[in-house]
Amino acid sequence: MNTFINRILKATGKYTIVDFAFLKTALLALGILLGTYFTEFFSGYTSLLWIIYIISFFWIMYRTFFKHTN
């Protein structure tokens, strides 16, 4: 499993801007598709999903701009 993860990390290190654009587009499309299929299921968890999003957003911003720039 570690070999697989290392291969994936090495490959993502070689991504270009276009590769990341396609990745983000694919994830966005998946999120929209899941949202259309599971509307009633997720409607009760909106607050929890916002909290998860905000925490993960700030975590990524911290890791990107503070942790890895030093």
Protein backbone atom coordinates (compact mmCIF):
# COMPACT_ATOMS: atom_id res chain seq x y z
CA MET A 1 0.00 0.00 0.00
CA ASN A 2 2.84 2.41 0.80
CA THR A 3 4.36 1.75 -2.62
CA PHE A 4 1.07 2.63 -4.28
CA ILE A 5 0.71 5.84 -2.28
CA ASN A 6 4.31 6.86 -3.04
CA ARG A 7 3.73 6.27 -6.76
CA ILE A 8 0.59 8.42 -6.64
CA LEU A 9 2.35 11.21 -4.75
CA LYS A 10 5.26 11.16 -7.18
CA ALA A 11 2.85 11.36 -10.11
CA THR A 12 0.88 14.27 -8.63
CA GLY A 13 4.15 16.10 -8.10
CA LYS A 14 4.45 16.24 -11.89
CA TYR A 15 0.95 17.64 -12.48
CA THR A 16 0.61 20.78 -14.56
CA ILE A 17 -1.96 23.52 -14.18
CA VAL A 18 -4.12 21.82 -16.79
CA ASP A 19 -4.00 18.53 -14.88
CA PHE A 20 -5.17 20.24 -11.71
CA ALA A 21 -7.90 22.04 -13.65
CA PHE A 22 -9.20 18.70 -14.92
CA LEU A 23 -9.00 17.23 -11.41
CA LYS A 24 -10.97 20.10 -9.92
CA THR A 25 -13.53 19.94 -12.74
CA ALA A 26 -14.01 16.22 -12.20
CA LEU A 27 -14.46 16.68 -8.44
CA LEU A 28 -16.90 19.52 -8.99
CA ALA A 29 -18.95 17.44 -11.41
CA LEU A 30 -18.96 14.52 -8.98
CA GLY A 31 -20.15 16.79 -6.18
CA ILE A 32 -22.97 18.18 -8.31
CA LEU A 33 -24.02 14.69 -9.36
CA LEU A 34 -24.06 13.46 -5.77
CA GLY A 35 -26.01 16.53 -4.74
CA THR A 36 -28.69 15.89 -7.34
CA TYR A 37 -29.11 12.25 -6.39
CA PHE A 38 -29.06 12.61 -2.61
CA THR A 39 -30.85 15.92 -2.05
CA GLU A 40 -33.19 14.74 0.71
CA PHE A 41 -30.46 12.77 2.47
CA PHE A 42 -28.02 15.68 2.76
CA SER A 43 -30.53 18.44 3.51
CA GLY A 44 -30.44 17.65 7.24
CA TYR A 45 -26.64 17.77 7.33
CA THR A 46 -26.08 21.18 5.74
CA SER A 47 -24.58 22.76 8.88
CA LEU A 48 -22.25 19.83 9.44
CA LEU A 49 -21.12 19.93 5.81
CA TRP A 50 -20.37 23.67 6.07
CA ILE A 51 -18.32 23.10 9.23
CA ILE A 52 -16.37 20.30 7.54
CA TYR A 53 -15.78 22.50 4.50
CA ILE A 54 -14.57 25.50 6.52
CA ILE A 55 -12.22 23.42 8.67
CA SER A 56 -10.74 21.64 5.66
CA PHE A 57 -10.43 24.91 3.72
CA PHE A 58 -8.48 26.60 6.48
CA TRP A 59 -6.34 23.49 6.95
CA ILE A 60 -5.38 23.50 3.25
CA MET A 61 -4.70 27.24 3.32
CA TYR A 62 -2.47 26.85 6.37
CA ARG A 63 -0.55 23.94 4.85
CA THR A 64 -0.17 25.72 1.52
CA PHE A 65 0.77 29.22 2.59
CA PHE A 66 2.42 28.80 5.98
CA LYS A 67 3.70 25.27 6.50
CA HIS A 68 5.16 24.57 3.07
CA THR A 69 6.53 28.05 2.34
CA ASN A 70 9.02 27.95 5.22
